[in-house]
Amino acid sequence: MSRLKEPRGRVRFLSDEERERLLEACQESDDSLLYPLVVLALSTGAQRGELLGLQWPDFDLVRGVAVVYRAKDDDRRALPLAGLALQLLKERSKVRHLHSDLVFASPRGQAVFPRKAWKRR
């Protein structure tokens, strides 16, 4: 299930309706990064920084797993991938940037969060 931070640090899970509306809005976005980023976040519970730091060598798309490295505590953990998240990553792996191993890279090969598209949705 997906989470939203509420004021005072409390966590709230999205309802099914909220999740569907969010995914529909992201899918309609002109930014090709937004939808797969949100699907992966909802599917794995990974944080934005963890997702933006993902590189293709971190994935085993056959086994359906990714390794996330957390710089904060120099730790790593496995993210299970299945369903739509795995499908979208397999599709995305076919159109990689030649000058970057980052999964969610700008045309210049830098990690990028689609901030403008996110704010519009």
PDB file of N, CA and C in Angstrom:
ATOM      1  N   MET A   1       0.821  -1.183   0.000  1.00  0.00           N
ATOM      2  CA  MET A   1       0.000   0.000   0.000  1.00  0.00           C
ATOM      3  C   MET A   1       0.865   1.246   0.000  1.00  0.00           C
ATOM      4  N   SER A   2       0.353   2.303  -0.534  1.00  0.00           N
ATOM      5  CA  SER A   2       1.104   3.541  -0.621  1.00  0.00           C
ATOM      6  C   SER A   2       0.845   4.411   0.606  1.00  0.00           C
ATOM      7  N   ARG A   3       1.784   5.319   0.852  1.00  0.00           N
ATOM      8  CA  ARG A   3       1.678   6.166   2.025  1.00  0.00           C
ATOM      9  C   ARG A   3       1.821   7.626   1.650  1.00  0.00           C
ATOM     10  N   LEU A   4       1.161   8.466   2.396  1.00  0.00           N
ATOM     11  CA  LEU A   4       1.330   9.910   2.315  1.00  0.00           C
ATOM     12  C   LEU A   4       1.660  10.401   3.711  1.00  0.00           C
ATOM     13  N   LYS A   5       2.628  11.305   3.810  1.00  0.00           N
ATOM     14  CA  LYS A   5       2.928  11.869   5.118  1.00  0.00           C
ATOM     15  C   LYS A   5       1.898  12.922   5.453  1.00  0.00           C
ATOM     16  N   GLU A   6       1.377  12.836   6.622  1.00  0.00           N
ATOM     17  CA  GLU A   6       0.443  13.833   7.122  1.00  0.00           C
ATOM     18  C   GLU A   6       1.214  14.785   8.028  1.00  0.00           C
ATOM     19  N   PRO A   7       0.596  15.914   8.360  1.00  0.00           N
ATOM     20  CA  PRO A   7       1.257  16.835   9.292  1.00  0.00           C
ATOM     21  C   PRO A   7       1.650  16.116  10.585  1.00  0.00           C
ATOM     22  N   ARG A   8       2.695  16.596  11.186  1.00  0.00           N
ATOM     23  CA  ARG A   8       3.227  16.057  12.446  1.00  0.00           C
ATOM     24  C   ARG A   8       3.817  14.665  12.282  1.00  0.00           C
ATOM     25  N   GLY A   9       4.247  14.301  11.052  1.00  0.00           N
ATOM     26  CA  GLY A   9       4.970  13.058  10.848  1.00  0.00           C
ATOM     27  C   GLY A   9       4.125  11.801  10.787  1.00  0.00           C
ATOM     28  N   ARG A  10       2.802  11.919  10.891  1.00  0.00           N
ATOM     29  CA  ARG A  10       1.974  10.720  10.799  1.00  0.00           C
ATOM     30  C   ARG A  10       1.917  10.247   9.351  1.00  0.00           C
ATOM     31  N   VAL A  11       1.730   8.961   9.153  1.00  0.00           N
ATOM     32  CA  VAL A  11       1.653   8.373   7.825  1.00  0.00           C
ATOM     33  C   VAL A  11       0.216   7.937   7.563  1.00  0.00           C
ATOM     34  N   ARG A  12      -0.246   8.228   6.352  1.00  0.00           N
ATOM     35  CA  ARG A  12      -1.592   7.839   5.949  1.00  0.00           C
ATOM     36  C   ARG A  12      -1.497   7.057   4.651  1.00  0.00           C
ATOM     37  N   PHE A  13      -2.239   5.971   4.549  1.00  0.00           N
ATOM     38  CA  PHE A  13      -2.260   5.177   3.335  1.00  0.00           C
ATOM     39  C   PHE A  13      -3.304   5.724   2.379  1.00  0.00           C
ATOM     40  N   LEU A  14      -2.994   5.674   1.088  1.00  0.00           N
ATOM     41  CA  LEU A  14      -3.954   6.099   0.073  1.00  0.00           C
ATOM     42  C   LEU A  14      -5.103   5.105  -0.001  1.00  0.00           C
ATOM     43  N   SER A  15      -6.286   5.627  -0.230  1.00  0.00           N
ATOM     44  CA  SER A  15      -7.418   4.734  -0.471  1.00  0.00           C
ATOM     45  C   SER A  15      -7.275   4.181  -1.891  1.00  0.00           C
ATOM     46  N   ASP A  16      -8.030   3.150  -2.205  1.00  0.00           N
ATOM     47  CA  ASP A  16      -7.988   2.588  -3.553  1.00  0.00           C
ATOM     48  C   ASP A  16      -8.355   3.647  -4.589  1.00  0.00           C
ATOM     49  N   GLU A  17      -9.361   4.454  -4.280  1.00  0.00           N
ATOM     50  CA  GLU A  17      -9.802   5.510  -5.202  1.00  0.00           C
ATOM     51  C   GLU A  17      -8.705   6.554  -5.399  1.00  0.00           C
ATOM     52  N   GLU A  18      -8.048   6.969  -4.322  1.00  0.00           N
ATOM     53  CA  GLU A  18      -6.971   7.952  -4.424  1.00  0.00           C
ATOM     54  C   GLU A  18      -5.821   7.409  -5.261  1.00  0.00           C
ATOM     55  N   ARG A  19      -5.475   6.161  -5.017  1.00  0.00           N
ATOM     56  CA  ARG A  19      -4.386   5.526  -5.761  1.00  0.00           C
ATOM     57  C   ARG A  19      -4.719   5.453  -7.254  1.00  0.00           C
ATOM     58  N   GLU A  20      -5.943   5.073  -7.587  1.00  0.00           N
ATOM     59  CA  GLU A  20      -6.362   4.997  -8.992  1.00  0.00           C
ATOM     60  C   GLU A  20      -6.313   6.370  -9.659  1.00  0.00           C
ATOM     61  N   ARG A  21      -6.801   7.400  -8.962  1.00  0.00           N
ATOM     62  CA  ARG A  21      -6.779   8.760  -9.520  1.00  0.00           C
ATOM     63  C   ARG A  21      -5.343   9.240  -9.727  1.00  0.00           C
ATOM     64  N   LEU A  22      -4.476   8.951  -8.776  1.00  0.00           N
ATOM     65  CA  LEU A  22      -3.077   9.340  -8.887  1.00  0.00           C
ATOM     66  C   LEU A  22      -2.432   8.674 -10.103  1.00  0.00           C
ATOM     67  N   LEU A  23      -2.635   7.379 -10.242  1.00  0.00           N
ATOM     68  CA  LEU A  23      -2.032   6.657 -11.358  1.00  0.00           C
ATOM     69  C   LEU A  23      -2.586   7.119 -12.704  1.00  0.00           C
ATOM     70  N   GLU A  24      -3.874   7.398 -12.764  1.00  0.00           N
ATOM     71  CA  GLU A  24      -4.469   7.907 -14.006  1.00  0.00           C
ATOM     72  C   GLU A  24      -3.852   9.250 -14.383  1.00  0.00           C
ATOM     73  N   ALA A  25      -3.716  10.135 -13.407  1.00  0.00           N
ATOM     74  CA  ALA A  25      -3.141  11.457 -13.667  1.00  0.00           C
ATOM     75  C   ALA A  25      -1.680  11.333 -14.111  1.00  0.00           C
ATOM     76  N   CYS A  26      -0.932  10.453 -13.481  1.00  0.00           N
ATOM     77  CA  CYS A  26       0.477  10.267 -13.840  1.00  0.00           C
ATOM     78  C   CYS A  26       0.610   9.671 -15.240  1.00  0.00           C
ATOM     79  N   GLN A  27      -0.280   8.771 -15.572  1.00  0.00           N
ATOM     80  CA  GLN A  27      -0.238   8.125 -16.883  1.00  0.00           C
ATOM     81  C   GLN A  27      -0.554   9.132 -17.998  1.00  0.00           C
ATOM     82  N   GLU A  28      -1.369  10.129 -17.709  1.00  0.00           N
ATOM     83  CA  GLU A  28      -1.727  11.158 -18.686  1.00  0.00           C
ATOM     84  C   GLU A  28      -0.646  12.223 -18.844  1.00  0.00           C
ATOM     85  N   SER A  29       0.339  12.223 -17.973  1.00  0.00           N
ATOM     86  CA  SER A  29       1.392  13.228 -17.997  1.00  0.00           C
ATOM     87  C   SER A  29       2.235  13.120 -19.267  1.00  0.00           C
ATOM     88  N   ASP A  30       2.735  14.272 -19.714  1.00  0.00           N
ATOM     89  CA  ASP A  30       3.645  14.308 -20.855  1.00  0.00           C
ATOM     90  C   ASP A  30       5.042  13.832 -20.471  1.00  0.00           C
ATOM     91  N   ASP A  31       5.345  13.817 -19.188  1.00  0.00           N
ATOM     92  CA  ASP A  31       6.666  13.409 -18.715  1.00  0.00           C
ATOM     93  C   ASP A  31       6.713  11.891 -18.598  1.00  0.00           C
ATOM     94  N   SER A  32       7.575  11.256 -19.360  1.00  0.00           N
ATOM     95  CA  SER A  32       7.648   9.791 -19.402  1.00  0.00           C
ATOM     96  C   SER A  32       8.217   9.170 -18.130  1.00  0.00           C
ATOM     97  N   LEU A  33       8.802   9.972 -17.241  1.00  0.00           N
ATOM     98  CA  LEU A  33       9.369   9.441 -16.001  1.00  0.00           C
ATOM     99  C   LEU A  33       8.337   9.317 -14.883  1.00  0.00           C
ATOM    100  N   LEU A  34       7.324  10.172 -14.916  1.00  0.00           N
ATOM    101  CA  LEU A  34       6.410  10.271 -13.774  1.00  0.00           C
ATOM    102  C   LEU A  34       5.674   8.965 -13.489  1.00  0.00           C
ATOM    103  N   TYR A  35       5.026   8.396 -14.468  1.00  0.00           N
ATOM    104  CA  TYR A  35       4.216   7.200 -14.244  1.00  0.00           C
ATOM    105  C   TYR A  35       5.056   6.021 -13.725  1.00  0.00           C
ATOM    106  N   PRO A  36       6.164   5.647 -14.376  1.00  0.00           N
ATOM    107  CA  PRO A  36       6.932   4.522 -13.829  1.00  0.00           C
ATOM    108  C   PRO A  36       7.509   4.794 -12.447  1.00  0.00           C
ATOM    109  N   LEU A  37       7.890   6.040 -12.169  1.00  0.00           N
ATOM    110  CA  LEU A  37       8.403   6.381 -10.838  1.00  0.00           C
ATOM    111  C   LEU A  37       7.333   6.175  -9.768  1.00  0.00           C
ATOM    112  N   VAL A  38       6.135   6.654 -10.040  1.00  0.00           N
ATOM    113  CA  VAL A  38       5.047   6.531  -9.067  1.00  0.00           C
ATOM    114  C   VAL A  38       4.624   5.079  -8.904  1.00  0.00           C
ATOM    115  N   VAL A  39       4.536   4.340  -9.999  1.00  0.00           N
ATOM    116  CA  VAL A  39       4.180   2.917  -9.901  1.00  0.00           C
ATOM    117  C   VAL A  39       5.218   2.173  -9.070  1.00  0.00           C
ATOM    118  N   LEU A  40       6.487   2.439  -9.312  1.00  0.00           N
ATOM    119  CA  LEU A  40       7.547   1.770  -8.555  1.00  0.00           C
ATOM    120  C   LEU A  40       7.500   2.168  -7.076  1.00  0.00           C
ATOM    121  N   ALA A  41       7.239   3.435  -6.802  1.00  0.00           N
ATOM    122  CA  ALA A  41       7.140   3.889  -5.411  1.00  0.00           C
ATOM    123  C   ALA A  41       5.969   3.213  -4.704  1.00  0.00           C
ATOM    124  N   LEU A  42       4.822   3.161  -5.372  1.00  0.00           N
ATOM    125  CA  LEU A  42       3.642   2.529  -4.770  1.00  0.00           C
ATOM    126  C   LEU A  42       3.839   1.028  -4.581  1.00  0.00           C
ATOM    127  N   SER A  43       4.538   0.406  -5.513  1.00  0.00           N
ATOM    128  CA  SER A  43       4.719  -1.052  -5.468  1.00  0.00           C
ATOM    129  C   SER A  43       5.753  -1.507  -4.456  1.00  0.00           C
ATOM    130  N   THR A  44       6.755  -0.668  -4.215  1.00  0.00           N
ATOM    131  CA  THR A  44       7.871  -1.094  -3.367  1.00  0.00           C
ATOM    132  C   THR A  44       7.975  -0.358  -2.044  1.00  0.00           C
ATOM    133  N   GLY A  45       7.379   0.824  -1.954  1.00  0.00           N
ATOM    134  CA  GLY A  45       7.532   1.627  -0.748  1.00  0.00           C
ATOM    135  C   GLY A  45       8.864   2.354  -0.677  1.00  0.00           C
ATOM    136  N   ALA A  46       9.625   2.319  -1.771  1.00  0.00           N
ATOM    137  CA  ALA A  46      10.926   2.991  -1.799  1.00  0.00           C
ATOM    138  C   ALA A  46      10.729   4.506  -1.772  1.00  0.00           C
ATOM    139  N   GLN A  47      11.685   5.186  -1.199  1.00  0.00           N
ATOM    140  CA  GLN A  47      11.645   6.639  -1.127  1.00  0.00           C
ATOM    141  C   GLN A  47      12.154   7.251  -2.429  1.00  0.00           C
ATOM    142  N   ARG A  48      11.811   8.514  -2.652  1.00  0.00           N
ATOM    143  CA  ARG A  48      12.186   9.194  -3.890  1.00  0.00           C
ATOM    144  C   ARG A  48      13.692   9.116  -4.154  1.00  0.00           C
ATOM    145  N   GLY A  49      14.500   9.419  -3.161  1.00  0.00           N
ATOM    146  CA  GLY A  49      15.948   9.382  -3.336  1.00  0.00           C
ATOM    147  C   GLY A  49      16.467   7.992  -3.675  1.00  0.00           C
ATOM    148  N   GLU A  50      15.867   6.976  -3.072  1.00  0.00           N
ATOM    149  CA  GLU A  50      16.256   5.598  -3.385  1.00  0.00           C
ATOM    150  C   GLU A  50      15.943   5.277  -4.841  1.00  0.00           C
ATOM    151  N   LEU A  51      14.766   5.687  -5.306  1.00  0.00           N
ATOM    152  CA  LEU A  51      14.365   5.408  -6.684  1.00  0.00           C
ATOM    153  C   LEU A  51      15.232   6.164  -7.681  1.00  0.00           C
ATOM    154  N   LEU A  52      15.530   7.428  -7.378  1.00  0.00           N
ATOM    155  CA  LEU A  52      16.334   8.218  -8.302  1.00  0.00           C
ATOM    156  C   LEU A  52      17.774   7.724  -8.383  1.00  0.00           C
ATOM    157  N   GLY A  53      18.241   7.057  -7.350  1.00  0.00           N
ATOM    158  CA  GLY A  53      19.600   6.523  -7.359  1.00  0.00           C
ATOM    159  C   GLY A  53      19.726   5.152  -8.006  1.00  0.00           C
ATOM    160  N   LEU A  54      18.612   4.557  -8.388  1.00  0.00           N
ATOM    161  CA  LEU A  54      18.651   3.224  -8.997  1.00  0.00           C
ATOM    162  C   LEU A  54      19.383   3.246 -10.338  1.00  0.00           C
ATOM    163  N   GLN A  55      20.240   2.252 -10.504  1.00  0.00           N
ATOM    164  CA  GLN A  55      20.967   2.087 -11.760  1.00  0.00           C
ATOM    165  C   GLN A  55      20.644   0.713 -12.323  1.00  0.00           C
ATOM    166  N   TRP A  56      20.766   0.576 -13.622  1.00  0.00           N
ATOM    167  CA  TRP A  56      20.409  -0.696 -14.253  1.00  0.00           C
ATOM    168  C   TRP A  56      21.169  -1.888 -13.682  1.00  0.00           C
ATOM    169  N   PRO A  57      22.448  -1.759 -13.315  1.00  0.00           N
ATOM    170  CA  PRO A  57      23.121  -2.916 -12.700  1.00  0.00           C
ATOM    171  C   PRO A  57      22.516  -3.344 -11.351  1.00  0.00           C
ATOM    172  N   ASP A  58      21.677  -2.485 -10.743  1.00  0.00           N
ATOM    173  CA  ASP A  58      21.018  -2.812  -9.474  1.00  0.00           C
ATOM    174  C   ASP A  58      19.847  -3.773  -9.665  1.00  0.00           C
ATOM    175  N   PHE A  59      19.441  -4.013 -10.907  1.00  0.00           N
ATOM    176  CA  PHE A  59      18.252  -4.811 -11.202  1.00  0.00           C
ATOM    177  C   PHE A  59      18.588  -6.201 -11.702  1.00  0.00           C
ATOM    178  N   ASP A  60      17.760  -7.131 -11.295  1.00  0.00           N
ATOM    179  CA  ASP A  60      17.710  -8.458 -11.897  1.00  0.00           C
ATOM    180  C   ASP A  60      16.267  -8.606 -12.366  1.00  0.00           C
ATOM    181  N   LEU A  61      16.022  -8.241 -13.613  1.00  0.00           N
ATOM    182  CA  LEU A  61      14.658  -8.225 -14.130  1.00  0.00           C
ATOM    183  C   LEU A  61      14.122  -9.626 -14.379  1.00  0.00           C
ATOM    184  N   VAL A  62      14.991 -10.605 -14.467  1.00  0.00           N
ATOM    185  CA  VAL A  62      14.538 -11.990 -14.624  1.00  0.00           C
ATOM    186  C   VAL A  62      13.977 -12.506 -13.302  1.00  0.00           C
ATOM    187  N   ARG A  63      14.705 -12.264 -12.223  1.00  0.00           N
ATOM    188  CA  ARG A  63      14.240 -12.694 -10.894  1.00  0.00           C
ATOM    189  C   ARG A  63      13.247 -11.720 -10.279  1.00  0.00           C
ATOM    190  N   GLY A  64      13.162 -10.506 -10.801  1.00  0.00           N
ATOM    191  CA  GLY A  64      12.230  -9.509 -10.286  1.00  0.00           C
ATOM    192  C   GLY A  64      12.661  -8.911  -8.966  1.00  0.00           C
ATOM    193  N   VAL A  65      13.888  -8.405  -8.925  1.00  0.00           N
ATOM    194  CA  VAL A  65      14.403  -7.804  -7.695  1.00  0.00           C
ATOM    195  C   VAL A  65      15.363  -6.662  -8.048  1.00  0.00           C
ATOM    196  N   ALA A  66      15.392  -5.667  -7.186  1.00  0.00           N
ATOM    197  CA  ALA A  66      16.342  -4.555  -7.316  1.00  0.00           C
ATOM    198  C   ALA A  66      17.001  -4.351  -5.961  1.00  0.00           C
ATOM    199  N   VAL A  67      18.224  -3.877  -5.981  1.00  0.00           N
ATOM    200  CA  VAL A  67      18.943  -3.567  -4.750  1.00  0.00           C
ATOM    201  C   VAL A  67      19.014  -2.057  -4.619  1.00  0.00           C
ATOM    202  N   VAL A  68      18.548  -1.544  -3.498  1.00  0.00           N
ATOM    203  CA  VAL A  68      18.550  -0.111  -3.220  1.00  0.00           C
ATOM    204  C   VAL A  68      19.655   0.169  -2.209  1.00  0.00           C
ATOM    205  N   TYR A  69      20.481   1.160  -2.527  1.00  0.00           N
ATOM    206  CA  TYR A  69      21.548   1.579  -1.624  1.00  0.00           C
ATOM    207  C   TYR A  69      21.131   2.859  -0.942  1.00  0.00           C
ATOM    208  N   ARG A  70      21.220   2.862   0.367  1.00  0.00           N
ATOM    209  CA  ARG A  70      20.852   4.054   1.145  1.00  0.00           C
ATOM    210  C   ARG A  70      22.122   4.723   1.648  1.00  0.00           C
ATOM    211  N   ALA A  71      22.381   5.900   1.129  1.00  0.00           N
ATOM    212  CA  ALA A  71      23.601   6.617   1.509  1.00  0.00           C
ATOM    213  C   ALA A  71      23.569   7.045   2.967  1.00  0.00           C
ATOM    214  N   LYS A  72      22.365   7.309   3.482  1.00  0.00           N
ATOM    215  CA  LYS A  72      22.231   7.827   4.842  1.00  0.00           C
ATOM    216  C   LYS A  72      22.871   6.888   5.871  1.00  0.00           C
ATOM    217  N   ASP A  73      22.597   5.601   5.753  1.00  0.00           N
ATOM    218  CA  ASP A  73      23.150   4.652   6.723  1.00  0.00           C
ATOM    219  C   ASP A  73      24.058   3.624   6.054  1.00  0.00           C
ATOM    220  N   ASP A  74      24.461   3.885   4.812  1.00  0.00           N
ATOM    221  CA  ASP A  74      25.363   3.014   4.061  1.00  0.00           C
ATOM    222  C   ASP A  74      24.878   1.566   4.086  1.00  0.00           C
ATOM    223  N   ASP A  75      23.589   1.399   3.911  1.00  0.00           N
ATOM    224  CA  ASP A  75      22.955   0.089   3.950  1.00  0.00           C
ATOM    225  C   ASP A  75      22.324  -0.187   2.591  1.00  0.00           C
ATOM    226  N   ARG A  76      21.948  -1.419   2.380  1.00  0.00           N
ATOM    227  CA  ARG A  76      21.229  -1.752   1.159  1.00  0.00           C
ATOM    228  C   ARG A  76      20.116  -2.724   1.491  1.00  0.00           C
ATOM    229  N   ARG A  77      19.104  -2.734   0.622  1.00  0.00           N
ATOM    230  CA  ARG A  77      17.995  -3.653   0.812  1.00  0.00           C
ATOM    231  C   ARG A  77      17.460  -4.056  -0.546  1.00  0.00           C
ATOM    232  N   ALA A  78      16.790  -5.172  -0.565  1.00  0.00           N
ATOM    233  CA  ALA A  78      16.222  -5.686  -1.810  1.00  0.00           C
ATOM    234  C   ALA A  78      14.782  -5.215  -1.957  1.00  0.00           C
ATOM    235  N   LEU A  79      14.426  -4.833  -3.166  1.00  0.00           N
ATOM    236  CA  LEU A  79      13.051  -4.469  -3.487  1.00  0.00           C
ATOM    237  C   LEU A  79      12.472  -5.549  -4.395  1.00  0.00           C
ATOM    238  N   PRO A  80      11.434  -6.223  -3.941  1.00  0.00           N
ATOM    239  CA  PRO A  80      10.799  -7.196  -4.835  1.00  0.00           C
ATOM    240  C   PRO A  80      10.004  -6.461  -5.905  1.00  0.00           C
ATOM    241  N   LEU A  81      10.104  -6.933  -7.123  1.00  0.00           N
ATOM    242  CA  LEU A  81       9.399  -6.316  -8.247  1.00  0.00           C
ATOM    243  C   LEU A  81       8.459  -7.335  -8.856  1.00  0.00           C
ATOM    244  N   ALA A  82       7.236  -6.910  -9.096  1.00  0.00           N
ATOM    245  CA  ALA A  82       6.250  -7.806  -9.701  1.00  0.00           C
ATOM    246  C   ALA A  82       5.215  -6.969 -10.440  1.00  0.00           C
ATOM    247  N   GLY A  83       4.388  -7.636 -11.194  1.00  0.00           N
ATOM    248  CA  GLY A  83       3.247  -6.998 -11.846  1.00  0.00           C
ATOM    249  C   GLY A  83       3.629  -5.828 -12.720  1.00  0.00           C
ATOM    250  N   LEU A  84       2.855  -4.753 -12.602  1.00  0.00           N
ATOM    251  CA  LEU A  84       3.031  -3.577 -13.442  1.00  0.00           C
ATOM    252  C   LEU A  84       4.403  -2.937 -13.257  1.00  0.00           C
ATOM    253  N   ALA A  85       4.904  -2.888 -12.038  1.00  0.00           N
ATOM    254  CA  ALA A  85       6.218  -2.280 -11.792  1.00  0.00           C
ATOM    255  C   ALA A  85       7.299  -3.009 -12.580  1.00  0.00           C
ATOM    256  N   LEU A  86       7.286  -4.323 -12.539  1.00  0.00           N
ATOM    257  CA  LEU A  86       8.277  -5.112 -13.271  1.00  0.00           C
ATOM    258  C   LEU A  86       8.104  -4.935 -14.771  1.00  0.00           C
ATOM    259  N   GLN A  87       6.874  -4.932 -15.229  1.00  0.00           N
ATOM    260  CA  GLN A  87       6.593  -4.751 -16.655  1.00  0.00           C
ATOM    261  C   GLN A  87       7.111  -3.402 -17.157  1.00  0.00           C
ATOM    262  N   LEU A  88       6.838  -2.338 -16.407  1.00  0.00           N
ATOM    263  CA  LEU A  88       7.288  -1.004 -16.811  1.00  0.00           C
ATOM    264  C   LEU A  88       8.812  -0.905 -16.830  1.00  0.00           C
ATOM    265  N   LEU A  89       9.471  -1.539 -15.873  1.00  0.00           N
ATOM    266  CA  LEU A  89      10.937  -1.515 -15.847  1.00  0.00           C
ATOM    267  C   LEU A  89      11.525  -2.297 -17.017  1.00  0.00           C
ATOM    268  N   LYS A  90      10.911  -3.404 -17.360  1.00  0.00           N
ATOM    269  CA  LYS A  90      11.385  -4.176 -18.517  1.00  0.00           C
ATOM    270  C   LYS A  90      11.253  -3.357 -19.791  1.00  0.00           C
ATOM    271  N   GLU A  91      10.129  -2.649 -19.938  1.00  0.00           N
ATOM    272  CA  GLU A  91       9.937  -1.780 -21.101  1.00  0.00           C
ATOM    273  C   GLU A  91      10.959  -0.649 -21.110  1.00  0.00           C
ATOM    274  N   ARG A  92      11.169  -0.049 -19.933  1.00  0.00           N
ATOM    275  CA  ARG A  92      12.110   1.075 -19.818  1.00  0.00           C
ATOM    276  C   ARG A  92      13.546   0.628 -20.090  1.00  0.00           C
ATOM    277  N   SER A  93      13.871  -0.617 -19.766  1.00  0.00           N
ATOM    278  CA  SER A  93      15.238  -1.114 -19.970  1.00  0.00           C
ATOM    279  C   SER A  93      15.606  -1.189 -21.451  1.00  0.00           C
ATOM    280  N   LYS A  94      14.615  -1.180 -22.314  1.00  0.00           N
ATOM    281  CA  LYS A  94      14.867  -1.258 -23.761  1.00  0.00           C
ATOM    282  C   LYS A  94      15.259   0.086 -24.356  1.00  0.00           C
ATOM    283  N   VAL A  95      15.049   1.171 -23.621  1.00  0.00           N
ATOM    284  CA  VAL A  95      15.357   2.515 -24.127  1.00  0.00           C
ATOM    285  C   VAL A  95      16.255   3.266 -23.146  1.00  0.00           C
ATOM    286  N   ARG A  96      17.351   2.646 -22.768  1.00  0.00           N
ATOM    287  CA  ARG A  96      18.284   3.252 -21.813  1.00  0.00           C
ATOM    288  C   ARG A  96      19.071   4.386 -22.446  1.00  0.00           C
ATOM    289  N   HIS A  97      19.559   5.286 -21.575  1.00  0.00           N
ATOM    290  CA  HIS A  97      20.482   6.331 -22.008  1.00  0.00           C
ATOM    291  C   HIS A  97      21.854   5.702 -22.192  1.00  0.00           C
ATOM    292  N   LEU A  98      22.521   6.055 -23.250  1.00  0.00           N
ATOM    293  CA  LEU A  98      23.835   5.484 -23.523  1.00  0.00           C
ATOM    294  C   LEU A  98      24.909   5.990 -22.567  1.00  0.00           C
ATOM    295  N   HIS A  99      24.739   7.199 -22.052  1.00  0.00           N
ATOM    296  CA  HIS A  99      25.777   7.798 -21.216  1.00  0.00           C
ATOM    297  C   HIS A  99      25.444   7.784 -19.725  1.00  0.00           C
ATOM    298  N   SER A 100      24.482   6.947 -19.323  1.00  0.00           N
ATOM    299  CA  SER A 100      24.137   6.870 -17.905  1.00  0.00           C
ATOM    300  C   SER A 100      23.501   5.520 -17.582  1.00  0.00           C
ATOM    301  N   ASP A 101      23.859   4.958 -16.445  1.00  0.00           N
ATOM    302  CA  ASP A 101      23.238   3.723 -15.960  1.00  0.00           C
ATOM    303  C   ASP A 101      22.001   4.000 -15.118  1.00  0.00           C
ATOM    304  N   LEU A 102      21.703   5.277 -14.861  1.00  0.00           N
ATOM    305  CA  LEU A 102      20.546   5.620 -14.039  1.00  0.00           C
ATOM    306  C   LEU A 102      19.251   5.228 -14.744  1.00  0.00           C
ATOM    307  N   VAL A 103      18.336   4.654 -13.974  1.00  0.00           N
ATOM    308  CA  VAL A 103      17.047   4.238 -14.518  1.00  0.00           C
ATOM    309  C   VAL A 103      16.176   5.447 -14.830  1.00  0.00           C
ATOM    310  N   PHE A 104      16.182   6.419 -13.946  1.00  0.00           N
ATOM    311  CA  PHE A 104      15.370   7.623 -14.117  1.00  0.00           C
ATOM    312  C   PHE A 104      16.295   8.806 -14.349  1.00  0.00           C
ATOM    313  N   ALA A 105      16.783   8.911 -15.586  1.00  0.00           N
ATOM    314  CA  ALA A 105      17.755   9.939 -15.935  1.00  0.00           C
ATOM    315  C   ALA A 105      17.159  10.952 -16.895  1.00  0.00           C
ATOM    316  N   SER A 106      17.672  12.159 -16.805  1.00  0.00           N
ATOM    317  CA  SER A 106      17.315  13.213 -17.753  1.00  0.00           C
ATOM    318  C   SER A 106      18.011  12.903 -19.081  1.00  0.00           C
ATOM    319  N   PRO A 107      17.676  13.629 -20.135  1.00  0.00           N
ATOM    320  CA  PRO A 107      18.388  13.426 -21.402  1.00  0.00           C
ATOM    321  C   PRO A 107      19.897  13.630 -21.279  1.00  0.00           C
ATOM    322  N   ARG A 108      20.309  14.372 -20.266  1.00  0.00           N
ATOM    323  CA  ARG A 108      21.751  14.585 -20.032  1.00  0.00           C
ATOM    324  C   ARG A 108      22.371  13.489 -19.159  1.00  0.00           C
ATOM    325  N   GLY A 109      21.564  12.529 -18.740  1.00  0.00           N
ATOM    326  CA  GLY A 109      22.086  11.408 -17.973  1.00  0.00           C
ATOM    327  C   GLY A 109      22.151  11.631 -16.477  1.00  0.00           C
ATOM    328  N   GLN A 110      21.485  12.659 -15.961  1.00  0.00           N
ATOM    329  CA  GLN A 110      21.505  12.943 -14.531  1.00  0.00           C
ATOM    330  C   GLN A 110      20.206  12.469 -13.888  1.00  0.00           C
ATOM    331  N   ALA A 111      20.284  12.087 -12.620  1.00  0.00           N
ATOM    332  CA  ALA A 111      19.074  11.692 -11.888  1.00  0.00           C
ATOM    333  C   ALA A 111      18.142  12.889 -11.824  1.00  0.00           C
ATOM    334  N   VAL A 112      16.875  12.642 -12.135  1.00  0.00           N
ATOM    335  CA  VAL A 112      15.937  13.747 -12.180  1.00  0.00           C
ATOM    336  C   VAL A 112      14.567  13.278 -11.718  1.00  0.00           C
ATOM    337  N   PHE A 113      13.938  14.111 -10.894  1.00  0.00           N
ATOM    338  CA  PHE A 113      12.553  13.873 -10.508  1.00  0.00           C
ATOM    339  C   PHE A 113      11.691  14.824 -11.324  1.00  0.00           C
ATOM    340  N   PRO A 114      10.628  14.334 -11.961  1.00  0.00           N
ATOM    341  CA  PRO A 114       9.787  15.196 -12.804  1.00  0.00           C
ATOM    342  C   PRO A 114       8.919  16.131 -11.972  1.00  0.00           C
ATOM    343  N   ARG A 115       9.561  17.105 -11.348  1.00  0.00           N
ATOM    344  CA  ARG A 115       8.905  18.010 -10.390  1.00  0.00           C
ATOM    345  C   ARG A 115       7.739  18.782 -11.012  1.00  0.00           C
ATOM    346  N   LYS A 116       7.931  19.324 -12.211  1.00  0.00           N
ATOM    347  CA  LYS A 116       6.853  20.103 -12.843  1.00  0.00           C
ATOM    348  C   LYS A 116       5.644  19.225 -13.121  1.00  0.00           C
ATOM    349  N   ALA A 117       5.885  18.036 -13.651  1.00  0.00           N
ATOM    350  CA  ALA A 117       4.775  17.116 -13.951  1.00  0.00           C
ATOM    351  C   ALA A 117       4.077  16.684 -12.662  1.00  0.00           C
ATOM    352  N   TRP A 118       4.829  16.454 -11.602  1.00  0.00           N
ATOM    353  CA  TRP A 118       4.251  16.031 -10.315  1.00  0.00           C
ATOM    354  C   TRP A 118       3.354  17.131  -9.755  1.00  0.00           C
ATOM    355  N   LYS A 119       3.807  18.369  -9.818  1.00  0.00           N
ATOM    356  CA  LYS A 119       3.024  19.489  -9.291  1.00  0.00           C
ATOM    357  C   LYS A 119       1.736  19.689 -10.082  1.00  0.00           C
ATOM    358  N   ARG A 120       1.778  19.432 -11.382  1.00  0.00           N
ATOM    359  CA  ARG A 120       0.587  19.580 -12.217  1.00  0.00           C
ATOM    360  C   ARG A 120      -0.451  18.523 -11.904  1.00  0.00           C
ATOM    361  N   ARG A 121      -0.048  17.360 -11.462  1.00  0.00           N
ATOM    362  CA  ARG A 121      -0.953  16.245 -11.228  1.00  0.00           C
ATOM    363  C   ARG A 121      -1.475  16.303  -9.823  1.00  0.00           C
TER     364      ARG A 121
END
